[in-house]
Amino acid sequence: MRISVHIQNLKCGGCENTIINRLKELKNISDVDVNQEEESVAFDYHTNHDFETAKHVLSRIGYPIVGKENKLKTKAQSYISCAIGKIKK
């Protein structure tokens, strides 16, 4: 199945790289695309559990799904993930 979700805190290509790299590490997640203009990420997944795992990872690295809580800690984590993504280009 394929899904596209809107995420919070997406700022640049560094964020995009981190999101793609982290989601590609997950079992049963593939074909990850990030759209900075729409602030969204799309990917293929196999089961609902895979989707929930991907949402959890996105939130943990600072990019929660729109509608989920976006605490200061989460926003700060997105800056760290962004910097890592810029370094690992």
N, C-alpha and C. Protein backbone atom coordinates (compact mmCIF):
# COMPACT_ATOMS: atom_id res chain seq x y z
N MET A 1 0.84 -1.17 0.00
CA MET A 1 0.00 0.00 0.00
C MET A 1 0.89 1.23 0.00
N ARG A 2 0.36 2.31 -0.52
CA ARG A 2 1.09 3.58 -0.55
C ARG A 2 0.28 4.62 0.20
N ILE A 3 0.99 5.48 0.92
CA ILE A 3 0.34 6.55 1.67
C ILE A 3 1.18 7.81 1.57
N SER A 4 0.51 8.94 1.64
CA SER A 4 1.16 10.24 1.72
C SER A 4 0.60 10.95 2.94
N VAL A 5 1.50 11.45 3.80
CA VAL A 5 1.07 12.15 5.01
C VAL A 5 1.77 13.50 5.10
N HIS A 6 1.07 14.46 5.65
CA HIS A 6 1.66 15.78 5.89
C HIS A 6 2.36 15.74 7.24
N ILE A 7 3.57 16.31 7.27
CA ILE A 7 4.37 16.29 8.48
C ILE A 7 4.71 17.71 8.92
N GLN A 8 5.12 17.83 10.17
CA GLN A 8 5.50 19.12 10.74
C GLN A 8 7.02 19.26 10.76
N ASN A 9 7.48 20.50 10.80
CA ASN A 9 8.89 20.86 10.99
C ASN A 9 9.80 20.59 9.79
N LEU A 10 9.26 20.30 8.64
CA LEU A 10 10.06 20.06 7.44
C LEU A 10 10.57 21.40 6.91
N LYS A 11 11.89 21.57 6.87
CA LYS A 11 12.46 22.87 6.54
C LYS A 11 13.30 22.88 5.27
N CYS A 12 14.03 21.79 4.99
CA CYS A 12 15.01 21.88 3.91
C CYS A 12 15.43 20.50 3.41
N GLY A 13 16.43 20.50 2.55
CA GLY A 13 16.96 19.26 2.01
C GLY A 13 17.62 18.38 3.05
N GLY A 14 18.17 18.99 4.10
CA GLY A 14 18.76 18.20 5.19
C GLY A 14 17.69 17.37 5.88
N CYS A 15 16.54 18.00 6.13
CA CYS A 15 15.40 17.28 6.72
C CYS A 15 14.99 16.14 5.80
N GLU A 16 14.88 16.46 4.53
CA GLU A 16 14.47 15.47 3.53
C GLU A 16 15.40 14.26 3.54
N ASN A 17 16.72 14.51 3.54
CA ASN A 17 17.69 13.40 3.55
C ASN A 17 17.53 12.53 4.78
N THR A 18 17.38 13.16 5.93
CA THR A 18 17.22 12.39 7.17
C THR A 18 15.97 11.53 7.12
N ILE A 19 14.85 12.11 6.70
CA ILE A 19 13.59 11.37 6.63
C ILE A 19 13.72 10.18 5.69
N ILE A 20 14.25 10.40 4.52
CA ILE A 20 14.40 9.31 3.55
C ILE A 20 15.30 8.21 4.11
N ASN A 21 16.45 8.61 4.64
CA ASN A 21 17.40 7.61 5.15
C ASN A 21 16.84 6.81 6.31
N ARG A 22 16.16 7.47 7.23
CA ARG A 22 15.63 6.77 8.41
C ARG A 22 14.47 5.85 8.02
N LEU A 23 13.59 6.29 7.14
CA LEU A 23 12.46 5.43 6.76
C LEU A 23 12.92 4.25 5.92
N LYS A 24 13.94 4.44 5.10
CA LYS A 24 14.45 3.34 4.28
C LYS A 24 15.08 2.24 5.13
N GLU A 25 15.48 2.57 6.35
CA GLU A 25 16.06 1.57 7.26
C GLU A 25 15.00 0.62 7.80
N LEU A 26 13.73 1.00 7.71
CA LEU A 26 12.66 0.20 8.29
C LEU A 26 12.27 -0.96 7.38
N LYS A 27 12.03 -2.10 7.99
CA LYS A 27 11.56 -3.26 7.26
C LYS A 27 10.17 -2.96 6.71
N ASN A 28 9.92 -3.35 5.47
CA ASN A 28 8.62 -3.21 4.80
C ASN A 28 8.23 -1.77 4.47
N ILE A 29 9.19 -0.84 4.50
CA ILE A 29 8.96 0.53 4.05
C ILE A 29 9.86 0.75 2.85
N SER A 30 9.28 1.25 1.75
CA SER A 30 10.08 1.45 0.55
C SER A 30 9.54 2.64 -0.26
N ASP A 31 10.28 2.99 -1.29
CA ASP A 31 9.91 4.05 -2.24
C ASP A 31 9.50 5.33 -1.50
N VAL A 32 10.41 5.84 -0.67
CA VAL A 32 10.14 7.02 0.15
C VAL A 32 10.38 8.29 -0.67
N ASP A 33 9.40 9.17 -0.69
CA ASP A 33 9.49 10.46 -1.36
C ASP A 33 9.09 11.56 -0.40
N VAL A 34 9.85 12.66 -0.39
CA VAL A 34 9.54 13.81 0.45
C VAL A 34 9.26 15.00 -0.45
N ASN A 35 8.18 15.72 -0.19
CA ASN A 35 7.82 16.91 -0.94
C ASN A 35 7.89 18.10 0.01
N GLN A 36 8.95 18.91 -0.14
CA GLN A 36 9.14 20.04 0.77
C GLN A 36 8.04 21.08 0.63
N GLU A 37 7.62 21.36 -0.59
CA GLU A 37 6.58 22.37 -0.81
C GLU A 37 5.27 22.01 -0.12
N GLU A 38 4.90 20.75 -0.21
CA GLU A 38 3.64 20.28 0.40
C GLU A 38 3.83 19.82 1.84
N GLU A 39 5.09 19.82 2.30
CA GLU A 39 5.43 19.34 3.64
C GLU A 39 4.84 17.95 3.88
N SER A 40 5.17 17.05 2.94
CA SER A 40 4.61 15.70 3.03
C SER A 40 5.67 14.65 2.72
N VAL A 41 5.38 13.45 3.18
CA VAL A 41 6.21 12.29 2.88
C VAL A 41 5.29 11.17 2.41
N ALA A 42 5.72 10.47 1.36
CA ALA A 42 4.95 9.35 0.82
C ALA A 42 5.86 8.12 0.83
N PHE A 43 5.24 6.97 1.07
CA PHE A 43 6.01 5.72 1.08
C PHE A 43 5.07 4.53 0.93
N ASP A 44 5.68 3.42 0.53
CA ASP A 44 4.96 2.16 0.45
C ASP A 44 5.18 1.40 1.75
N TYR A 45 4.15 0.67 2.19
CA TYR A 45 4.24 -0.14 3.40
C TYR A 45 3.38 -1.39 3.21
N HIS A 46 3.62 -2.39 4.05
CA HIS A 46 2.92 -3.66 3.89
C HIS A 46 1.73 -3.81 4.83
N THR A 47 1.92 -3.50 6.12
CA THR A 47 0.86 -3.70 7.09
C THR A 47 0.62 -2.42 7.89
N ASN A 48 -0.48 -2.39 8.62
CA ASN A 48 -0.78 -1.25 9.47
C ASN A 48 0.32 -1.05 10.52
N HIS A 49 0.87 -2.15 11.01
CA HIS A 49 1.97 -2.07 11.97
C HIS A 49 3.17 -1.34 11.36
N ASP A 50 3.48 -1.62 10.09
CA ASP A 50 4.58 -0.93 9.40
C ASP A 50 4.32 0.57 9.33
N PHE A 51 3.08 0.95 9.03
CA PHE A 51 2.71 2.36 8.96
C PHE A 51 2.86 3.02 10.33
N GLU A 52 2.39 2.36 11.37
CA GLU A 52 2.50 2.91 12.72
C GLU A 52 3.97 3.06 13.13
N THR A 53 4.80 2.11 12.75
CA THR A 53 6.23 2.19 13.04
C THR A 53 6.85 3.40 12.33
N ALA A 54 6.49 3.61 11.08
CA ALA A 54 7.00 4.76 10.32
C ALA A 54 6.57 6.07 10.98
N LYS A 55 5.32 6.17 11.40
CA LYS A 55 4.84 7.38 12.07
C LYS A 55 5.62 7.62 13.36
N HIS A 56 5.90 6.56 14.10
CA HIS A 56 6.66 6.68 15.34
C HIS A 56 8.07 7.19 15.06
N VAL A 57 8.71 6.65 14.05
CA VAL A 57 10.07 7.08 13.70
C VAL A 57 10.05 8.54 13.27
N LEU A 58 9.10 8.93 12.44
CA LEU A 58 9.01 10.33 12.02
C LEU A 58 8.90 11.25 13.22
N SER A 59 8.07 10.90 14.16
CA SER A 59 7.89 11.72 15.35
C SER A 59 9.17 11.76 16.18
N ARG A 60 9.82 10.61 16.33
CA ARG A 60 11.03 10.53 17.15
C ARG A 60 12.18 11.36 16.57
N ILE A 61 12.24 11.48 15.25
CA ILE A 61 13.32 12.28 14.63
C ILE A 61 12.91 13.73 14.42
N GLY A 62 11.70 14.10 14.88
CA GLY A 62 11.30 15.50 14.87
C GLY A 62 10.30 15.93 13.82
N TYR A 63 9.67 14.97 13.15
CA TYR A 63 8.73 15.30 12.08
C TYR A 63 7.38 14.58 12.28
N PRO A 64 6.65 14.97 13.32
CA PRO A 64 5.37 14.29 13.57
C PRO A 64 4.34 14.60 12.48
N ILE A 65 3.39 13.70 12.35
CA ILE A 65 2.28 13.88 11.40
C ILE A 65 1.48 15.11 11.83
N VAL A 66 1.00 15.88 10.87
CA VAL A 66 0.15 17.04 11.17
C VAL A 66 -1.04 16.57 12.00
N GLY A 67 -1.32 17.31 13.07
CA GLY A 67 -2.40 16.95 13.97
C GLY A 67 -1.91 16.32 15.26
N LYS A 68 -0.68 15.81 15.24
CA LYS A 68 -0.07 15.25 16.45
C LYS A 68 0.63 16.36 17.21
N GLU A 69 0.84 16.14 18.50
CA GLU A 69 1.49 17.13 19.34
C GLU A 69 2.90 17.43 18.82
N ASN A 70 3.27 18.71 18.83
CA ASN A 70 4.57 19.15 18.34
C ASN A 70 5.24 19.99 19.42
N LYS A 71 5.76 19.31 20.44
CA LYS A 71 6.37 19.98 21.58
C LYS A 71 7.71 20.62 21.18
N LEU A 72 8.20 21.48 22.05
CA LEU A 72 9.48 22.14 21.83
C LEU A 72 10.59 21.11 21.64
N LYS A 73 10.56 20.03 22.42
CA LYS A 73 11.56 18.97 22.30
C LYS A 73 11.54 18.36 20.89
N THR A 74 10.35 18.16 20.34
CA THR A 74 10.22 17.60 19.00
C THR A 74 10.76 18.57 17.96
N LYS A 75 10.46 19.84 18.12
CA LYS A 75 10.97 20.85 17.19
C LYS A 75 12.49 20.91 17.25
N ALA A 76 13.05 20.85 18.46
CA ALA A 76 14.50 20.85 18.61
C ALA A 76 15.12 19.63 17.94
N GLN A 77 14.47 18.47 18.08
CA GLN A 77 14.98 17.25 17.45
C GLN A 77 15.00 17.39 15.93
N SER A 78 14.01 18.11 15.37
CA SER A 78 13.99 18.29 13.92
C SER A 78 15.20 19.09 13.45
N TYR A 79 15.67 20.05 14.24
CA TYR A 79 16.87 20.80 13.88
C TYR A 79 18.11 19.92 13.91
N ILE A 80 18.17 19.03 14.88
CA ILE A 80 19.29 18.09 14.95
C ILE A 80 19.26 17.15 13.75
N SER A 81 18.07 16.62 13.44
CA SER A 81 17.92 15.72 12.28
C SER A 81 18.27 16.45 10.99
N CYS A 82 17.89 17.71 10.90
CA CYS A 82 18.17 18.52 9.73
C CYS A 82 19.69 18.66 9.55
N ALA A 83 20.38 18.99 10.63
CA ALA A 83 21.83 19.14 10.56
C ALA A 83 22.51 17.84 10.16
N ILE A 84 22.06 16.74 10.71
CA ILE A 84 22.61 15.43 10.35
C ILE A 84 22.38 15.15 8.87
N GLY A 85 21.17 15.48 8.39
CA GLY A 85 20.86 15.27 6.97
C GLY A 85 21.73 16.09 6.04
N LYS A 86 22.11 17.28 6.47
CA LYS A 86 22.99 18.13 5.66
C LYS A 86 24.41 17.55 5.61
N ILE A 87 24.84 16.98 6.72
CA ILE A 87 26.20 16.41 6.79
C ILE A 87 26.28 15.13 5.98
N LYS A 88 25.23 14.32 6.00
CA LYS A 88 25.26 12.99 5.36
C LYS A 88 24.75 13.01 3.93
N LYS A 89 24.78 14.14 3.26
CA LYS A 89 24.31 14.21 1.86
C LYS A 89 25.12 13.35 0.97
